Amino acid sequence: MTTRSDVADLDVGLAVFASYDAPDWTVLGDLAEHFTTVLVATAANHEDACHAVSCGAFGYVDVRLRSDALRRSILGAFNGEHAYSRRVLASLIRNGRWLRSAEARPRSQ
């Protein structure tokens, strides 16, 4: 079993958190504290995407995207590009909120 103290020692380039129903915001926040984290949602909506921003997630992706778009979103996040829809980004800019930056690449050994 992995404990919270073990998490800080893991070498993870990107955590992908799958949500099949309502996201567990506490788990997402805990992951985002330690890793660049993208939430992949089966029931994606704008409100949850904005909530993901407030939890520190690096992205929020709708699993219903075409497979090539989903792949580009995840690879982009791994390379340091936020994975949010234009609508979410426009809301953030309009409201004067900014995304936190993260180093998505794995630590060098």
Protein backbone atom coordinates (compact mmCIF):
# COMPACT_ATOMS: atom_id res chain seq x y z
CA MET A 1 0.00 0.00 0.00
CA THR A 2 1.30 3.45 -0.92
CA THR A 3 1.16 6.09 1.80
CA ARG A 4 1.29 9.85 1.42
CA SER A 5 4.93 9.90 2.54
CA ASP A 6 5.82 7.40 -0.21
CA VAL A 7 4.25 9.59 -2.89
CA ALA A 8 6.84 12.36 -2.60
CA ASP A 9 9.61 9.89 -3.47
CA LEU A 10 8.01 8.58 -6.68
CA ASP A 11 9.49 9.60 -10.03
CA VAL A 12 6.36 10.31 -12.07
CA GLY A 13 6.32 12.49 -15.18
CA LEU A 14 2.54 12.77 -15.42
CA ALA A 15 -0.32 11.42 -13.33
CA VAL A 16 -3.50 10.69 -15.29
CA PHE A 17 -6.51 10.50 -12.99
CA ALA A 18 -9.55 8.78 -14.52
CA SER A 19 -12.99 9.79 -13.29
CA TYR A 20 -15.97 7.65 -14.22
CA ASP A 21 -18.54 9.55 -12.16
CA ALA A 22 -18.17 12.65 -10.03
CA PRO A 23 -14.45 13.30 -9.50
CA ASP A 24 -12.97 12.79 -6.05
CA TRP A 25 -11.65 16.33 -5.62
CA THR A 26 -9.64 15.45 -2.53
CA VAL A 27 -7.71 12.74 -4.37
CA LEU A 28 -7.19 15.04 -7.34
CA GLY A 29 -5.87 17.79 -5.08
CA ASP A 30 -3.51 15.37 -3.33
CA LEU A 31 -2.15 14.11 -6.65
CA ALA A 32 -1.79 17.64 -8.03
CA GLU A 33 0.23 18.65 -4.96
CA HIS A 34 2.92 16.16 -5.89
CA PHE A 35 2.64 15.54 -9.63
CA THR A 36 1.62 17.19 -12.85
CA THR A 37 -1.91 15.75 -12.99
CA VAL A 38 -4.50 15.54 -15.75
CA LEU A 39 -8.05 14.45 -14.99
CA VAL A 40 -9.67 12.37 -17.74
CA ALA A 41 -13.44 12.44 -17.29
CA THR A 42 -16.17 10.27 -18.79
CA ALA A 43 -18.87 12.78 -17.83
CA ALA A 44 -16.94 15.97 -18.56
CA ASN A 45 -18.53 19.36 -18.00
CA HIS A 46 -17.40 22.98 -17.79
CA GLU A 47 -18.04 23.36 -14.06
CA ASP A 48 -15.93 20.31 -13.19
CA ALA A 49 -13.15 21.52 -15.49
CA CYS A 50 -13.09 24.85 -13.63
CA HIS A 51 -13.08 22.98 -10.31
CA ALA A 52 -10.11 20.93 -11.55
CA VAL A 53 -8.22 24.20 -12.06
CA SER A 54 -8.90 25.21 -8.46
CA CYS A 55 -7.59 21.81 -7.29
CA GLY A 56 -4.33 22.42 -9.11
CA ALA A 57 -4.84 19.98 -11.99
CA PHE A 58 -2.69 20.59 -15.04
CA GLY A 59 -5.52 19.54 -17.32
CA TYR A 60 -9.06 18.24 -17.65
CA VAL A 61 -9.81 16.11 -20.69
CA ASP A 62 -13.08 14.68 -21.96
CA VAL A 63 -12.61 10.98 -22.73
CA ARG A 64 -15.14 11.37 -25.57
CA LEU A 65 -12.58 13.30 -27.62
CA ARG A 66 -11.39 11.58 -30.77
CA SER A 67 -8.55 9.23 -29.90
CA ASP A 68 -5.94 11.35 -31.72
CA ALA A 69 -7.07 14.50 -29.87
CA LEU A 70 -7.01 12.66 -26.54
CA ARG A 71 -3.51 11.41 -27.29
CA ARG A 72 -2.31 14.92 -28.23
CA SER A 73 -3.78 16.34 -25.01
CA ILE A 74 -1.98 13.81 -22.82
CA LEU A 75 1.31 14.09 -24.71
CA GLY A 76 1.04 17.87 -24.64
CA ALA A 77 0.57 17.80 -20.86
CA PHE A 78 3.60 15.53 -20.55
CA ASN A 79 5.54 18.17 -22.47
CA GLY A 80 4.35 21.04 -20.28
CA GLU A 81 1.23 22.24 -22.13
CA HIS A 82 -1.95 22.63 -20.11
CA ALA A 83 -4.76 20.31 -21.23
CA TYR A 84 -7.91 22.40 -20.91
CA SER A 85 -10.56 23.32 -23.44
CA ARG A 86 -10.50 26.76 -25.01
CA ARG A 87 -13.76 27.51 -23.20
CA VAL A 88 -12.16 26.85 -19.80
CA LEU A 89 -9.07 28.87 -20.68
CA ALA A 90 -11.26 31.76 -21.89
CA SER A 91 -13.17 31.70 -18.58
CA LEU A 92 -9.92 31.81 -16.63
CA ILE A 93 -8.60 34.74 -18.63
CA ARG A 94 -11.91 36.60 -18.42
CA ASN A 95 -11.96 36.15 -14.64
CA GLY A 96 -8.30 37.05 -14.17
CA ARG A 97 -7.30 33.59 -12.94
CA TRP A 98 -4.16 31.81 -14.05
CA LEU A 99 -3.06 28.21 -14.19
CA ARG A 100 -0.12 27.16 -12.11
CA SER A 101 2.95 26.07 -13.99
CA ALA A 102 4.47 22.65 -13.62
CA GLU A 103 7.46 20.76 -14.86
CA ALA A 104 5.86 17.79 -16.60
CA ARG A 105 9.03 15.97 -17.48
CA PRO A 106 10.29 13.18 -15.21
CA ARG A 107 13.19 14.08 -12.98
CA SER A 108 16.55 13.11 -14.45
CA GLN A 109 18.33 10.30 -12.68
